[in-house]
């Protein structure tokens, strides 16, 4: 856990974790996000790309949309923090830059698509006119376990579907009938 993570961060990350649970209950990848300013939630969201048929409906984007609507501004105040259960991807980092987020706290890294410390370190390039602070590791184990459990369940579901398909396709012959 980062030195800058504190009890307040853990409190807000618990809310993001609850948002991720909502995503999981809908069959979406369990990622949740909460945007906070001065101790108040400005926006929150969870992954819904499958249900909304929208590849941009990541938790961070949903929370940003809600926060910006509530503020009636596409730019966020200077004291805003985003709490998200998984390291943001390239698209989400871009949106956070445009919204002028000041700080991002994420729970666990995303080795394949993470854009802050994992696959890409976008803010290190120096190409952007805005940058933000970020820290990882807040409730890392809890959020990583939530993701791991979800993908384990999804793999088991796929195995069952394949087994059912295989059974439906097997030819019926006298030996099969005799077993019934």
Protein backbone atom coordinates (compact mmCIF):
# COMPACT_ATOMS: atom_id res chain seq x y z
CA UNK A 1 0.00 0.00 0.00
CA UNK A 2 1.20 3.46 -0.85
CA UNK A 3 2.34 5.76 1.95
CA UNK A 4 -0.27 8.34 0.91
CA UNK A 5 -3.24 5.97 1.30
CA UNK A 6 -5.21 6.69 4.48
CA UNK A 7 -8.41 5.68 6.28
CA UNK A 8 -10.45 8.15 4.23
CA UNK A 9 -9.16 6.52 1.05
CA UNK A 10 -10.14 3.09 2.37
CA UNK A 11 -13.64 4.36 3.19
CA UNK A 12 -14.17 5.70 -0.33
CA UNK A 13 -12.64 2.60 -1.90
CA UNK A 14 -15.19 0.49 -0.01
CA UNK A 15 -17.89 2.45 -1.84
CA UNK A 16 -16.14 1.76 -5.15
CA UNK A 17 -15.94 -1.92 -4.17
CA UNK A 18 -19.72 -1.93 -3.59
CA UNK A 19 -20.20 -0.43 -7.05
CA UNK A 20 -18.03 -3.23 -8.48
CA UNK A 21 -20.28 -5.78 -6.78
CA UNK A 22 -23.25 -4.27 -8.65
CA UNK A 23 -21.40 -4.81 -11.92
CA UNK A 24 -20.65 -8.43 -11.01
CA UNK A 25 -24.31 -9.05 -10.14
CA UNK A 26 -25.17 -8.03 -13.71
CA UNK A 27 -22.52 -10.27 -15.25
CA UNK A 28 -20.23 -7.31 -15.97
CA UNK A 29 -16.53 -7.25 -15.05
CA UNK A 30 -16.57 -6.04 -11.42
CA UNK A 31 -15.01 -2.61 -11.54
CA UNK A 32 -16.45 0.25 -9.53
CA UNK A 33 -15.58 3.93 -9.22
CA UNK A 34 -16.45 6.86 -6.96
CA UNK A 35 -15.54 10.53 -7.45
CA UNK A 36 -15.22 12.56 -4.26
CA UNK A 37 -14.79 16.25 -3.48
CA UNK A 38 -14.73 17.76 0.01
CA UNK A 39 -16.07 14.59 1.59
CA UNK A 40 -19.01 14.35 -0.82
CA UNK A 41 -19.66 11.87 -3.61
CA UNK A 42 -19.99 13.74 -6.90
CA UNK A 43 -20.39 10.65 -9.05
CA UNK A 44 -20.20 6.91 -8.95
CA UNK A 45 -20.44 4.12 -11.44
CA UNK A 46 -19.66 0.56 -12.37
CA UNK A 47 -18.87 -1.31 -15.55
CA UNK A 48 -21.86 -1.62 -17.88
CA UNK A 49 -20.51 -2.02 -21.44
CA UNK A 50 -22.42 -5.27 -21.99
CA UNK A 51 -25.79 -4.01 -20.75
CA UNK A 52 -25.51 -0.62 -22.41
CA UNK A 53 -23.94 -1.98 -25.61
CA UNK A 54 -21.35 0.74 -25.11
CA UNK A 55 -17.61 0.01 -25.12
CA UNK A 56 -17.00 3.29 -23.27
CA UNK A 57 -19.24 2.41 -20.31
CA UNK A 58 -16.36 1.72 -17.94
CA UNK A 59 -16.82 2.47 -14.23
CA UNK A 60 -14.57 5.55 -14.41
CA UNK A 61 -16.48 6.99 -17.37
CA UNK A 62 -19.84 6.37 -15.68
CA UNK A 63 -18.63 8.15 -12.53
CA UNK A 64 -17.19 11.03 -14.57
CA UNK A 65 -20.43 11.47 -16.50
CA UNK A 66 -22.43 11.58 -13.26
CA UNK A 67 -20.02 14.01 -11.57
CA UNK A 68 -19.89 16.36 -14.55
CA UNK A 69 -23.67 16.34 -14.89
CA UNK A 70 -24.12 17.15 -11.20
CA UNK A 71 -21.64 20.02 -11.49
CA UNK A 72 -22.94 21.10 -14.90
CA UNK A 73 -19.35 21.32 -16.08
CA UNK A 74 -17.06 19.05 -18.07
CA UNK A 75 -14.14 20.05 -15.86
CA UNK A 76 -13.86 18.94 -12.26
CA UNK A 77 -12.84 21.08 -9.27
CA UNK A 78 -9.20 21.06 -8.20
CA UNK A 79 -9.75 18.89 -5.10
CA UNK A 80 -11.39 15.88 -6.75
CA UNK A 81 -10.26 12.29 -6.23
CA UNK A 82 -11.36 9.23 -8.19
CA UNK A 83 -11.41 5.90 -6.35
CA UNK A 84 -11.48 2.90 -8.65
CA UNK A 85 -11.09 -0.80 -7.96
CA UNK A 86 -8.87 -1.47 -11.00
CA UNK A 87 -6.07 0.54 -12.60
CA UNK A 88 -7.59 2.67 -15.38
CA UNK A 89 -7.12 1.81 -19.06
CA UNK A 90 -5.89 4.16 -21.79
CA UNK A 91 -9.39 5.44 -22.62
CA UNK A 92 -10.18 6.20 -18.99
CA UNK A 93 -6.85 7.94 -18.36
CA UNK A 94 -7.57 10.14 -21.38
CA UNK A 95 -10.99 11.04 -20.02
CA UNK A 96 -9.52 11.77 -16.57
CA UNK A 97 -6.98 14.11 -18.17
CA UNK A 98 -9.70 15.97 -20.08
CA UNK A 99 -11.86 16.26 -16.95
CA UNK A 100 -8.86 17.64 -15.03
CA UNK A 101 -9.03 15.08 -12.23
CA UNK A 102 -6.47 15.85 -9.51
CA UNK A 103 -5.92 12.46 -7.93
CA UNK A 104 -6.63 8.80 -8.67
CA UNK A 105 -6.54 6.03 -6.09
CA UNK A 106 -6.83 2.53 -7.53
CA UNK A 107 -6.93 -0.80 -5.75
CA UNK A 108 -5.21 -3.29 -8.00
CA UNK A 109 -3.12 -3.16 -11.14
CA UNK A 110 -4.24 -4.32 -14.57
CA UNK A 111 -1.18 -5.99 -16.15
CA UNK A 112 -2.58 -6.16 -19.70
CA UNK A 113 -4.38 -2.83 -20.07
CA UNK A 114 -3.43 -0.65 -17.10
CA UNK A 115 -2.32 2.79 -18.25
CA UNK A 116 -0.77 4.28 -15.12
CA UNK A 117 1.81 1.77 -13.82
CA UNK A 118 1.33 -1.48 -15.73
CA UNK A 119 1.16 -1.97 -19.50
CA UNK A 120 1.43 1.73 -20.29
CA UNK A 121 2.67 4.59 -18.17
CA UNK A 122 0.88 7.34 -20.05
CA UNK A 123 1.52 10.18 -17.63
CA UNK A 124 5.29 9.63 -17.83
CA UNK A 125 5.32 10.66 -21.50
CA UNK A 126 4.97 14.36 -20.73
CA UNK A 127 2.73 14.86 -23.78
CA UNK A 128 -0.34 15.97 -21.89
CA UNK A 129 -1.33 19.47 -20.80
CA UNK A 130 -2.68 18.07 -17.53
CA UNK A 131 -1.43 15.42 -15.17
CA UNK A 132 -2.70 13.99 -11.91
CA UNK A 133 -1.41 12.25 -8.83
CA UNK A 134 -2.11 8.53 -8.50
CA UNK A 135 -1.58 5.79 -5.98
CA UNK A 136 -2.30 2.09 -6.08
CA UNK A 137 -2.84 -0.58 -3.49
CA UNK A 138 -5.81 0.69 -1.48
CA UNK A 139 -7.82 -2.46 -0.58
CA UNK A 140 -5.75 -4.29 -3.18
CA UNK A 141 -6.34 -7.82 -1.89
CA UNK A 142 -10.09 -7.39 -1.50
CA UNK A 143 -10.57 -5.91 -4.97
CA UNK A 144 -8.18 -8.36 -6.66
CA UNK A 145 -10.07 -11.25 -5.03
CA UNK A 146 -13.38 -9.88 -6.30
CA UNK A 147 -12.00 -9.83 -9.85
CA UNK A 148 -10.40 -13.26 -9.49
CA UNK A 149 -13.63 -14.81 -8.16
CA UNK A 150 -15.61 -13.28 -11.02
CA UNK A 151 -13.33 -14.62 -13.73
CA UNK A 152 -13.16 -18.04 -12.06
CA UNK A 153 -16.97 -18.18 -12.06
CA UNK A 154 -17.05 -17.06 -15.70
CA UNK A 155 -14.56 -19.78 -16.73
CA UNK A 156 -16.67 -22.41 -14.93
CA UNK A 157 -19.80 -21.17 -16.72
CA UNK A 158 -18.04 -21.44 -20.09
CA UNK A 159 -16.92 -25.00 -19.31
CA UNK A 160 -20.51 -25.95 -18.46
CA UNK A 161 -21.79 -24.34 -21.67
CA UNK A 162 -19.22 -26.22 -23.74
CA UNK A 163 -20.12 -29.47 -22.02
CA UNK A 164 -23.82 -28.89 -22.66
CA UNK A 165 -23.15 -28.07 -26.32
CA UNK A 166 -21.02 -31.18 -26.67
CA UNK A 167 -23.76 -33.35 -25.15
CA UNK A 168 -26.39 -31.86 -27.45
CA UNK A 169 -24.27 -32.56 -30.53
CA UNK A 170 -23.40 -36.17 -29.71
CA UNK A 171 -25.17 -38.55 -32.08
CA UNK A 172 -27.86 -40.76 -30.66
CA UNK A 173 -27.26 -44.39 -31.43
CA UNK A 174 -28.45 -47.67 -29.98
CA UNK A 175 -25.70 -47.65 -27.32
CA UNK A 176 -26.73 -44.17 -26.16
CA UNK A 177 -30.42 -45.19 -26.07
CA UNK A 178 -29.55 -48.30 -24.08
CA UNK A 179 -27.82 -46.13 -21.46
CA UNK A 180 -30.94 -44.04 -21.03
